[in-house]
N, C-alpha and C. Protein backbone atom coordinates (compact mmCIF):
# COMPACT_ATOMS: atom_id res chain seq x y z
N MET A 1 0.95 -1.03 0.08
CA MET A 1 -0.19 -0.19 0.33
C MET A 1 0.42 1.23 -0.15
N MET A 2 2.02 1.06 1.00
CA MET A 2 2.65 2.55 0.94
C MET A 2 3.73 2.61 -0.50
N ARG A 3 3.85 1.52 -1.17
CA ARG A 3 4.51 1.64 -2.29
C ARG A 3 3.82 2.24 -3.71
N LEU A 4 2.31 1.79 -3.62
CA LEU A 4 1.40 2.20 -4.56
C LEU A 4 1.32 3.95 -4.08
N ALA A 5 1.16 4.23 -3.13
CA ALA A 5 1.21 5.69 -2.60
C ALA A 5 2.18 6.52 -3.32
N ALA A 6 3.44 5.95 -2.87
CA ALA A 6 4.75 6.37 -3.36
C ALA A 6 4.62 6.56 -4.67
N VAL A 7 4.30 5.56 -5.78
CA VAL A 7 4.38 5.67 -7.17
C VAL A 7 3.24 6.74 -7.47
N LEU A 8 2.00 6.80 -6.90
CA LEU A 8 0.95 7.77 -7.33
C LEU A 8 1.45 9.44 -7.11
N ALA A 9 2.41 9.18 -5.66
CA ALA A 9 2.82 10.51 -5.93
C ALA A 9 3.96 11.09 -6.70
N LEU A 10 4.21 10.08 -7.37
CA LEU A 10 5.61 10.60 -8.70
C LEU A 10 4.65 11.01 -9.74
N VAL A 11 3.27 10.23 -10.48
CA VAL A 11 2.77 10.29 -11.64
C VAL A 11 2.12 11.81 -11.58
N PRO A 12 2.97 12.64 -12.89
CA PRO A 12 2.27 13.92 -12.68
C PRO A 12 0.72 13.88 -12.89
N THR A 13 0.31 14.88 -12.34
CA THR A 13 -1.39 14.93 -12.76
C THR A 13 -1.77 15.68 -14.05
N LEU A 14 -2.67 15.21 -14.66
CA LEU A 14 -2.93 15.92 -15.89
C LEU A 14 -3.68 17.13 -15.45
N ALA A 15 -3.67 17.80 -16.28
CA ALA A 15 -4.72 19.16 -16.31
C ALA A 15 -5.56 19.34 -16.73
N ALA A 16 -6.24 19.43 -16.02
CA ALA A 16 -8.11 19.75 -16.76
C ALA A 16 -8.77 20.93 -16.55
N ALA A 17 -9.68 21.06 -17.52
CA ALA A 17 -10.47 22.14 -17.38
C ALA A 17 -10.82 22.88 -16.39
N GLY A 18 -10.74 24.09 -15.97
CA GLY A 18 -11.65 24.31 -14.88
C GLY A 18 -13.05 24.99 -15.07
N PRO A 19 -13.68 25.69 -13.91
CA PRO A 19 -14.92 25.63 -14.40
C PRO A 19 -15.27 27.35 -14.98
N TYR A 20 -13.73 27.86 -14.76
CA TYR A 20 -13.61 29.36 -15.77
C TYR A 20 -13.20 29.55 -16.92
N ASP A 21 -12.79 28.15 -17.12
CA ASP A 21 -11.52 28.13 -18.40
C ASP A 21 -12.51 29.19 -19.31
N GLY A 22 -11.67 29.92 -20.05
CA GLY A 22 -12.03 30.74 -21.66
C GLY A 22 -11.20 32.12 -21.97
N VAL A 23 -11.65 32.74 -22.51
CA VAL A 23 -11.01 34.04 -23.15
C VAL A 23 -12.26 35.01 -23.13
N TYR A 24 -11.71 36.16 -22.45
CA TYR A 24 -13.13 37.12 -21.92
C TYR A 24 -12.08 38.80 -22.53
N ARG A 25 -13.28 39.33 -23.41
CA ARG A 25 -13.04 40.66 -23.15
C ARG A 25 -12.75 41.69 -22.30
N GLN A 26 -11.53 42.40 -22.29
CA GLN A 26 -11.46 43.31 -21.36
C GLN A 26 -12.62 44.18 -21.19
N ALA A 27 -12.68 45.09 -22.45
CA ALA A 27 -13.68 45.49 -22.70
C ALA A 27 -15.09 45.57 -23.78
N ALA A 28 -15.91 46.34 -24.09
CA ALA A 28 -16.73 45.93 -24.88
C ALA A 28 -16.03 45.47 -26.32
N ASN A 29 -15.12 46.46 -26.62
CA ASN A 29 -14.85 46.53 -27.90
C ASN A 29 -13.32 45.86 -28.25
N ALA A 30 -13.03 44.96 -27.42
CA ALA A 30 -11.73 44.52 -27.23
C ALA A 30 -11.66 43.40 -28.44
N ASP A 31 -10.19 42.98 -28.43
CA ASP A 31 -9.79 42.14 -29.89
C ASP A 31 -9.62 40.68 -28.82
N CYS A 32 -10.15 39.84 -28.87
CA CYS A 32 -10.21 38.52 -28.40
C CYS A 32 -9.43 37.62 -29.21
N ALA A 33 -8.42 38.13 -30.25
CA ALA A 33 -7.60 37.47 -30.55
C ALA A 33 -6.35 37.95 -29.94
N ASN A 34 -6.17 39.02 -29.06
CA ASN A 34 -5.31 39.57 -28.47
C ASN A 34 -4.75 39.51 -27.43
N VAL A 35 -4.65 38.08 -26.97
CA VAL A 35 -4.57 37.67 -25.15
C VAL A 35 -3.46 38.20 -24.81
N GLY A 36 -4.05 38.92 -23.63
CA GLY A 36 -2.76 39.58 -22.63
C GLY A 36 -1.91 40.86 -23.26
N GLN A 37 -2.84 41.28 -24.03
CA GLN A 37 -2.38 42.96 -24.59
C GLN A 37 -3.52 43.77 -24.11
N ASP A 38 -2.96 45.27 -24.18
CA ASP A 38 -3.68 46.20 -24.08
C ASP A 38 -4.86 45.96 -24.66
N GLY A 39 -6.18 46.55 -25.10
CA GLY A 39 -7.16 46.21 -25.59
C GLY A 39 -7.46 45.55 -26.19
N GLY A 40 -7.06 44.16 -25.70
CA GLY A 40 -7.25 42.84 -26.08
C GLY A 40 -8.31 42.07 -25.20
N SER A 41 -7.74 40.64 -24.85
CA SER A 41 -8.69 39.94 -23.92
C SER A 41 -7.80 39.14 -22.68
N LEU A 42 -8.41 38.50 -22.01
CA LEU A 42 -7.61 37.52 -21.06
C LEU A 42 -8.16 36.13 -21.16
N LYS A 43 -7.03 35.40 -20.31
CA LYS A 43 -7.52 34.05 -20.60
C LYS A 43 -7.70 33.47 -19.64
N ILE A 44 -8.52 32.33 -19.32
CA ILE A 44 -8.22 31.56 -17.72
C ILE A 44 -8.20 30.06 -18.94
N GLU A 45 -7.00 29.24 -18.26
CA GLU A 45 -7.12 27.91 -19.35
C GLU A 45 -5.97 27.20 -18.15
N GLU A 46 -6.68 25.95 -17.86
CA GLU A 46 -6.27 25.02 -16.81
C GLU A 46 -5.39 25.69 -15.71
N GLY A 47 -6.24 26.20 -14.99
CA GLY A 47 -5.49 26.79 -13.81
C GLY A 47 -4.42 28.06 -13.66
N ILE A 48 -4.75 28.83 -15.01
CA ILE A 48 -3.91 29.74 -14.90
C ILE A 48 -4.38 31.12 -15.64
N PHE A 49 -4.35 32.29 -15.07
CA PHE A 49 -5.17 33.37 -15.29
C PHE A 49 -4.01 34.24 -16.06
N TYR A 50 -4.47 34.44 -17.23
CA TYR A 50 -3.61 35.00 -18.22
C TYR A 50 -3.90 36.37 -18.83
N GLY A 51 -3.11 37.55 -17.46
CA GLY A 51 -3.68 38.96 -17.94
C GLY A 51 -2.79 39.76 -18.68
N VAL A 52 -3.06 41.31 -18.41
CA VAL A 52 -1.82 42.16 -19.52
C VAL A 52 -0.56 41.93 -18.84
N GLU A 53 0.33 41.23 -18.88
CA GLU A 53 1.65 41.45 -19.30
C GLU A 53 1.85 40.70 -17.50
N LEU A 54 0.72 39.70 -17.52
CA LEU A 54 1.04 38.62 -16.16
C LEU A 54 0.44 37.72 -16.52
N GLU A 55 0.96 36.62 -15.37
CA GLU A 55 0.28 35.48 -15.44
C GLU A 55 0.02 35.06 -13.92
N CYS A 56 -0.83 34.40 -13.86
CA CYS A 56 -1.30 33.87 -12.08
C CYS A 56 -1.77 32.45 -12.35
N ARG A 57 -0.84 31.81 -11.26
CA ARG A 57 -1.59 30.59 -10.93
C ARG A 57 -2.38 30.53 -10.06
N MET A 58 -3.62 29.97 -10.45
CA MET A 58 -4.99 30.05 -9.81
C MET A 58 -4.78 28.67 -8.88
N THR A 59 -4.27 28.98 -7.33
CA THR A 59 -4.20 27.44 -6.21
C THR A 59 -5.26 27.94 -5.47
N ARG A 60 -5.32 27.01 -4.45
CA ARG A 60 -5.51 26.54 -3.13
C ARG A 60 -7.74 27.21 -3.55
N PRO A 61 -8.33 26.64 -4.20
CA PRO A 61 -9.71 26.86 -4.20
C PRO A 61 -10.64 26.64 -3.33
N VAL A 62 -11.13 27.77 -2.98
CA VAL A 62 -12.35 27.42 -2.00
C VAL A 62 -13.47 27.70 -2.08
N ASP A 63 -14.67 26.65 -2.49
CA ASP A 63 -15.89 27.10 -2.18
C ASP A 63 -16.47 28.25 -1.52
N VAL A 64 -17.03 29.69 -2.25
CA VAL A 64 -17.58 30.59 -1.04
C VAL A 64 -18.99 30.02 -0.83
N VAL A 65 -19.26 30.05 0.54
CA VAL A 65 -20.64 29.23 1.04
C VAL A 65 -21.72 30.15 0.48
N ASN A 66 -22.54 29.43 0.32
CA ASN A 66 -24.10 30.22 -0.51
C ASN A 66 -23.91 31.03 -1.58
N MET A 67 -22.83 30.83 -2.37
CA MET A 67 -22.34 31.70 -3.92
C MET A 67 -21.89 30.51 -4.55
N ASP A 68 -22.19 30.74 -5.88
CA ASP A 68 -21.47 30.18 -6.94
C ASP A 68 -20.31 30.73 -7.10
N ALA A 69 -19.21 30.98 -6.76
CA ALA A 69 -18.28 31.71 -6.71
C ALA A 69 -17.23 30.42 -5.81
N THR A 70 -15.91 31.11 -6.55
CA THR A 70 -14.82 30.31 -5.72
C THR A 70 -13.49 31.34 -5.37
N LEU A 71 -12.97 31.06 -4.53
CA LEU A 71 -11.88 32.15 -3.81
C LEU A 71 -10.48 31.40 -4.25
N TYR A 72 -9.71 32.00 -4.75
CA TYR A 72 -8.44 31.68 -5.21
C TYR A 72 -7.75 32.38 -4.60
N THR A 73 -5.95 31.81 -4.20
CA THR A 73 -4.97 32.04 -4.05
C THR A 73 -4.17 32.40 -5.50
N MET A 74 -3.77 33.73 -5.90
CA MET A 74 -3.44 33.89 -6.94
C MET A 74 -1.78 34.02 -6.81
N GLN A 75 -1.09 33.15 -7.66
CA GLN A 75 0.39 33.30 -7.47
C GLN A 75 0.71 34.05 -8.81
N CYS A 76 0.87 35.15 -9.20
CA CYS A 76 1.23 35.97 -10.09
C CYS A 76 2.94 36.19 -10.42
N THR A 77 3.33 36.43 -11.58
CA THR A 77 4.37 37.34 -12.06
C THR A 77 4.32 37.78 -13.02
N GLY A 78 5.09 38.98 -13.29
CA GLY A 78 4.76 39.57 -14.74
C GLY A 78 5.61 40.72 -13.75
N GLU A 79 6.15 42.11 -14.96
CA GLU A 79 6.90 43.05 -15.38
C GLU A 79 7.54 42.57 -13.79
N ASP A 80 8.81 41.68 -14.19
CA ASP A 80 9.98 41.26 -12.92
C ASP A 80 9.25 41.45 -11.59
N GLN A 81 8.24 41.10 -11.49
CA GLN A 81 7.72 40.79 -10.02
C GLN A 81 7.37 39.66 -9.93
N ILE A 82 7.03 39.30 -8.67
CA ILE A 82 6.34 38.07 -8.09
C ILE A 82 5.41 38.44 -6.82
N TRP A 83 4.51 38.18 -7.05
CA TRP A 83 3.46 38.46 -5.61
C TRP A 83 2.35 37.00 -5.31
N SER A 84 1.58 37.44 -4.52
CA SER A 84 0.39 36.66 -4.35
C SER A 84 -0.33 37.20 -3.31
N GLU A 85 -2.14 37.06 -4.25
CA GLU A 85 -3.04 37.91 -3.72
C GLU A 85 -4.39 36.57 -3.90
N ARG A 86 -5.33 37.05 -2.86
CA ARG A 86 -6.26 36.43 -3.15
C ARG A 86 -7.23 36.51 -4.05
N ALA A 87 -8.27 36.11 -4.87
CA ALA A 87 -9.15 36.84 -6.18
C ALA A 87 -10.78 35.34 -5.73
N MET A 88 -11.47 36.56 -6.00
CA MET A 88 -12.73 35.39 -6.05
C MET A 88 -13.40 35.41 -7.86
N LEU A 89 -13.71 34.40 -7.94
CA LEU A 89 -14.39 34.38 -9.41
C LEU A 89 -15.75 33.68 -9.18
N MET A 90 -16.71 34.25 -9.99
CA MET A 90 -17.67 33.95 -10.18
C MET A 90 -18.53 33.88 -11.64
N ASP A 91 -19.46 33.11 -12.09
CA ASP A 91 -20.32 33.15 -13.49
C ASP A 91 -21.10 34.59 -12.91
N SER A 92 -21.60 35.06 -14.31
CA SER A 92 -22.02 36.28 -14.03
C SER A 92 -23.46 35.88 -14.03
N ALA A 93 -24.40 36.01 -13.78
CA ALA A 93 -25.91 36.21 -13.44
C ALA A 93 -26.48 36.78 -14.79
N GLU A 94 -25.89 37.73 -15.36
CA GLU A 94 -26.82 38.30 -16.61
C GLU A 94 -26.38 38.09 -17.86
N ASP A 95 -24.89 37.16 -18.30
CA ASP A 95 -24.68 36.91 -19.35
C ASP A 95 -23.43 35.46 -19.16
N ASP A 96 -23.09 35.61 -20.20
CA ASP A 96 -22.18 34.20 -20.43
C ASP A 96 -20.94 34.41 -19.74
N GLY A 97 -20.48 35.68 -19.17
CA GLY A 97 -19.14 36.33 -18.68
C GLY A 97 -18.88 35.57 -17.36
N ILE A 98 -18.00 36.24 -16.58
CA ILE A 98 -17.10 35.92 -15.37
C ILE A 98 -17.60 37.47 -14.51
N ILE A 99 -17.22 37.26 -13.13
CA ILE A 99 -16.64 38.34 -12.50
C ILE A 99 -15.46 37.77 -11.73
N MET A 100 -14.74 39.04 -11.44
CA MET A 100 -13.48 38.50 -10.61
C MET A 100 -13.47 39.93 -9.79
N VAL A 101 -12.85 39.42 -8.60
CA VAL A 101 -13.02 40.41 -7.36
C VAL A 101 -11.99 40.47 -6.72
N TRP A 102 -11.03 41.42 -6.90
CA TRP A 102 -9.95 41.50 -6.37
C TRP A 102 -9.76 42.58 -4.67
N ASN A 103 -8.85 42.52 -3.83
CA ASN A 103 -9.09 43.18 -3.13
C ASN A 103 -9.73 44.97 -3.34
N GLY A 104 -10.78 45.26 -3.18
CA GLY A 104 -11.10 46.51 -3.21
C GLY A 104 -11.55 46.58 -4.96
N TYR A 105 -11.03 45.88 -5.71
CA TYR A 105 -11.67 45.79 -7.08
C TYR A 105 -12.47 44.86 -7.66
N ALA A 106 -13.29 44.99 -8.38
CA ALA A 106 -14.19 44.08 -8.79
C ALA A 106 -14.47 44.44 -10.73
N PHE A 107 -14.21 43.17 -11.39
CA PHE A 107 -14.30 43.20 -12.97
C PHE A 107 -15.32 42.34 -13.81
N ALA A 108 -15.96 42.79 -14.72
CA ALA A 108 -17.15 42.22 -15.38
C ALA A 108 -16.22 41.48 -16.48
N TYR A 109 -16.31 40.57 -16.89
CA TYR A 109 -15.54 40.44 -18.06
C TYR A 109 -16.54 39.33 -18.97
N GLU A 110 -17.12 39.87 -20.28
CA GLU A 110 -17.76 39.24 -21.11
C GLU A 110 -16.90 38.09 -21.87
N ARG A 111 -17.48 37.31 -22.16
CA ARG A 111 -17.13 35.19 -22.70
C ARG A 111 -16.78 36.02 -24.05
N CYS A 112 -15.71 35.86 -24.91
CA CYS A 112 -15.56 35.83 -26.25
C CYS A 112 -16.27 34.72 -26.96
N GLU A 113 -16.86 34.84 -28.13
CA GLU A 113 -17.53 33.73 -29.05
C GLU A 113 -16.65 32.81 -29.17
N GLY A 114 -17.04 31.35 -28.95
CA GLY A 114 -16.04 30.45 -29.45
C GLY A 114 -15.13 30.01 -28.51
N SER A 115 -15.44 30.56 -27.28
CA SER A 115 -14.22 30.13 -26.16
C SER A 115 -15.38 29.26 -24.82
């Protein structure tokens, strides 16, 4: 039994799609093809948030009680800096987009077609 546990610990985990995976517009007229650029789009894929000149690993997910939301620890890198913050994500009640809340800031992002 101990050998099985040791072997399983060494097997790499397969990346799985998360509940918020997709490409999202930063603004109504954003170009969905330009991920991570000003005036473009943002992307969440396999537990990584790709923003403008930054990338954040979405770790330690916690379901928010009585809400369809998840709180993540975001391990971010960008512009020669490394930092960690908490962010909450939830599906928008009004459309197919998401709402992302950082400490003191809330953003609503519309999903790009086909993502």
